[in-house]
C-alpha atoms as a PDB file:
ATOM      1  CA  MET A   1      -0.009  -0.093  -0.070  1.00  0.00           C
ATOM      2  CA  ALA A   2       1.656   3.120  -1.080  1.00  0.00           C
ATOM      3  CA  ALA A   3       2.068   5.882   1.593  1.00  0.00           C
ATOM      4  CA  PRO A   4      -0.826   8.632   1.598  1.00  0.00           C
ATOM      5  CA  ARG A   5      -0.779  12.031  -0.403  1.00  0.00           C
ATOM      6  CA  LEU A   6      -2.121  15.195   0.201  1.00  0.00           C
ATOM      7  CA  THR A   7      -2.927  17.457  -2.927  1.00  0.00           C
ATOM      8  CA  LEU A   8      -4.200  21.038  -2.533  1.00  0.00           C
ATOM      9  CA  VAL A   9      -5.805  22.004  -5.633  1.00  0.00           C
ATOM     10  CA  HIS A  10      -5.463  25.807  -5.732  1.00  0.00           C
ATOM     11  CA  ARG A  11      -5.259  28.856  -7.781  1.00  0.00           C
ATOM     12  CA  ARG A  12      -2.660  32.081  -7.921  1.00  0.00           C
ATOM     13  CA  ASP A  13      -3.747  35.133  -6.052  1.00  0.00           C
ATOM     14  CA  CYS A  14      -6.697  33.146  -4.392  1.00  0.00           C
ATOM     15  CA  ALA A  15      -6.688  34.021  -0.382  1.00  0.00           C
ATOM     16  CA  LEU A  16      -8.641  31.221   0.817  1.00  0.00           C
ATOM     17  CA  CYS A  17      -5.951  28.987  -1.291  1.00  0.00           C
ATOM     18  CA  GLU A  18      -3.368  30.932   0.619  1.00  0.00           C
ATOM     19  CA  GLU A  19      -5.000  30.405   3.897  1.00  0.00           C
ATOM     20  CA  MET A  20      -5.587  26.699   3.604  1.00  0.00           C
ATOM     21  CA  LEU A  21      -1.714  26.378   2.804  1.00  0.00           C
ATOM     22  CA  ALA A  22      -0.669  28.440   5.634  1.00  0.00           C
ATOM     23  CA  GLN A  23      -2.785  26.109   7.892  1.00  0.00           C
ATOM     24  CA  LEU A  24      -1.800  22.982   6.401  1.00  0.00           C
ATOM     25  CA  GLU A  25       1.492  23.905   7.218  1.00  0.00           C
ATOM     26  CA  ALA A  26       1.070  25.132  10.622  1.00  0.00           C
ATOM     27  CA  LEU A  27      -0.869  21.856  11.600  1.00  0.00           C
ATOM     28  CA  GLY A  28       2.341  20.062   9.872  1.00  0.00           C
ATOM     29  CA  ARG A  29       4.335  21.577  12.656  1.00  0.00           C
ATOM     30  CA  THR A  30       2.343  19.633  15.370  1.00  0.00           C
ATOM     31  CA  VAL A  31       1.018  16.461  13.652  1.00  0.00           C
ATOM     32  CA  ALA A  32       2.831  14.342  11.042  1.00  0.00           C
ATOM     33  CA  LEU A  33       1.340  15.065   7.319  1.00  0.00           C
ATOM     34  CA  PRO A  34       1.837  13.144   4.266  1.00  0.00           C
ATOM     35  CA  PRO A  35       3.639  15.153   2.021  1.00  0.00           C
ATOM     36  CA  ILE A  36       1.337  18.350   0.222  1.00  0.00           C
ATOM     37  CA  ASP A  37       1.897  18.250  -3.643  1.00  0.00           C
ATOM     38  CA  LEU A  38       0.367  21.814  -5.505  1.00  0.00           C
ATOM     39  CA  LEU A  39      -1.830  21.536  -7.944  1.00  0.00           C
ATOM     40  CA  ASP A  40      -2.516  24.838  -9.990  1.00  0.00           C
ATOM     41  CA  ILE A  41      -6.284  24.349 -11.339  1.00  0.00           C
ATOM     42  CA  ASP A  42      -5.619  26.718 -14.376  1.00  0.00           C
ATOM     43  CA  SER A  43      -2.600  24.566 -15.583  1.00  0.00           C
ATOM     44  CA  ASP A  44      -5.064  21.895 -16.261  1.00  0.00           C
ATOM     45  CA  PRO A  45      -8.292  21.705 -18.146  1.00  0.00           C
ATOM     46  CA  LEU A  46      -9.795  18.742 -16.557  1.00  0.00           C
ATOM     47  CA  LEU A  47      -8.859  20.422 -13.006  1.00  0.00           C
ATOM     48  CA  ARG A  48     -10.679  23.459 -14.419  1.00  0.00           C
ATOM     49  CA  ARG A  49     -13.698  21.355 -15.641  1.00  0.00           C
ATOM     50  CA  ARG A  50     -13.875  19.464 -12.014  1.00  0.00           C
ATOM     51  CA  HIS A  51     -13.608  22.138  -9.812  1.00  0.00           C
ATOM     52  CA  GLY A  52     -14.310  25.468 -11.769  1.00  0.00           C
ATOM     53  CA  LEU A  53     -13.941  28.407  -9.017  1.00  0.00           C
ATOM     54  CA  ASP A  54     -14.421  25.915  -6.252  1.00  0.00           C
ATOM     55  CA  VAL A  55     -11.026  26.159  -4.955  1.00  0.00           C
ATOM     56  CA  PRO A  56      -9.392  25.889  -2.907  1.00  0.00           C
ATOM     57  CA  VAL A  57      -9.738  21.595  -2.846  1.00  0.00           C
ATOM     58  CA  LEU A  58      -7.751  19.288  -0.227  1.00  0.00           C
ATOM     59  CA  LEU A  59      -7.518  16.058  -1.639  1.00  0.00           C
ATOM     60  CA  LEU A  60      -6.113  12.590   0.233  1.00  0.00           C
ATOM     61  CA  ASP A  61      -5.053  10.236  -2.365  1.00  0.00           C
ATOM     62  CA  GLY A  62      -7.737  11.909  -4.819  1.00  0.00           C
ATOM     63  CA  ALA A  63     -10.423  11.643  -2.795  1.00  0.00           C
ATOM     64  CA  VAL A  64     -11.819  15.139  -1.636  1.00  0.00           C
ATOM     65  CA  VAL A  65     -11.222  16.064   1.912  1.00  0.00           C
ATOM     66  CA  CYS A  66     -12.864  19.664   2.106  1.00  0.00           C
ATOM     67  CA  ARG A  67     -13.193  22.787  -0.217  1.00  0.00           C
ATOM     68  CA  HIS A  68     -12.621  26.324   0.804  1.00  0.00           C
ATOM     69  CA  ARG A  69     -11.907  26.349   4.154  1.00  0.00           C
ATOM     70  CA  LEU A  70      -9.481  23.384   6.152  1.00  0.00           C
ATOM     71  CA  ASP A  71     -11.735  20.831   7.746  1.00  0.00           C
ATOM     72  CA  ARG A  72      -9.177  19.636  10.559  1.00  0.00           C
ATOM     73  CA  ARG A  73     -11.419  17.042  11.866  1.00  0.00           C
ATOM     74  CA  GLU A  74     -11.991  15.082   8.651  1.00  0.00           C
ATOM     75  CA  LEU A  75      -8.270  15.136   7.592  1.00  0.00           C
ATOM     76  CA  ALA A  76      -7.653  13.559  11.232  1.00  0.00           C
ATOM     77  CA  ARG A  77     -10.489  11.203  10.618  1.00  0.00           C
ATOM     78  CA  LEU A  78      -9.079  10.251   7.154  1.00  0.00           C
ATOM     79  CA  LEU A  79      -5.209   9.936   8.211  1.00  0.00           C
ATOM     80  CA  ARG A  80      -6.352   7.778  11.529  1.00  0.00           C
ATOM     81  CA  PRO A  81      -4.367   4.549  11.238  1.00  0.00           C
ATOM     82  CA  GLY A  82      -6.940   1.715   9.585  1.00  0.00           C
ATOM     83  CA  ARG A  83      -8.595   4.274   7.787  1.00  0.00           C
ATOM     84  CA  GLY A  84      -8.599   5.616   4.182  1.00  0.00           C
ATOM     85  CA  ALA A  85      -9.645   7.942   1.796  1.00  0.00           C
ATOM     86  CA  GLN A  86     -12.163   5.220   0.572  1.00  0.00           C
ATOM     87  CA  ALA A  87     -13.224   4.430   3.901  1.00  0.00           C
END
């Protein structure tokens, strides 16, 4: 089983995107988080079609964890041992 990965789908000059990234970085200083990949929604037509203006979007192994605001409880629930993005 591959290690979990977080992906933040974001857009340049997006205040909510910057806020969620800052919250993830702060959270990562207190709890172990998987690596975070950044995906610019405007660099991929499929991402733009799928999410449109609905950014930021935090994904865990490709599944949506939360949109717009960081949902720490949901992220913690999904990262618990024995749980996965498909759970």
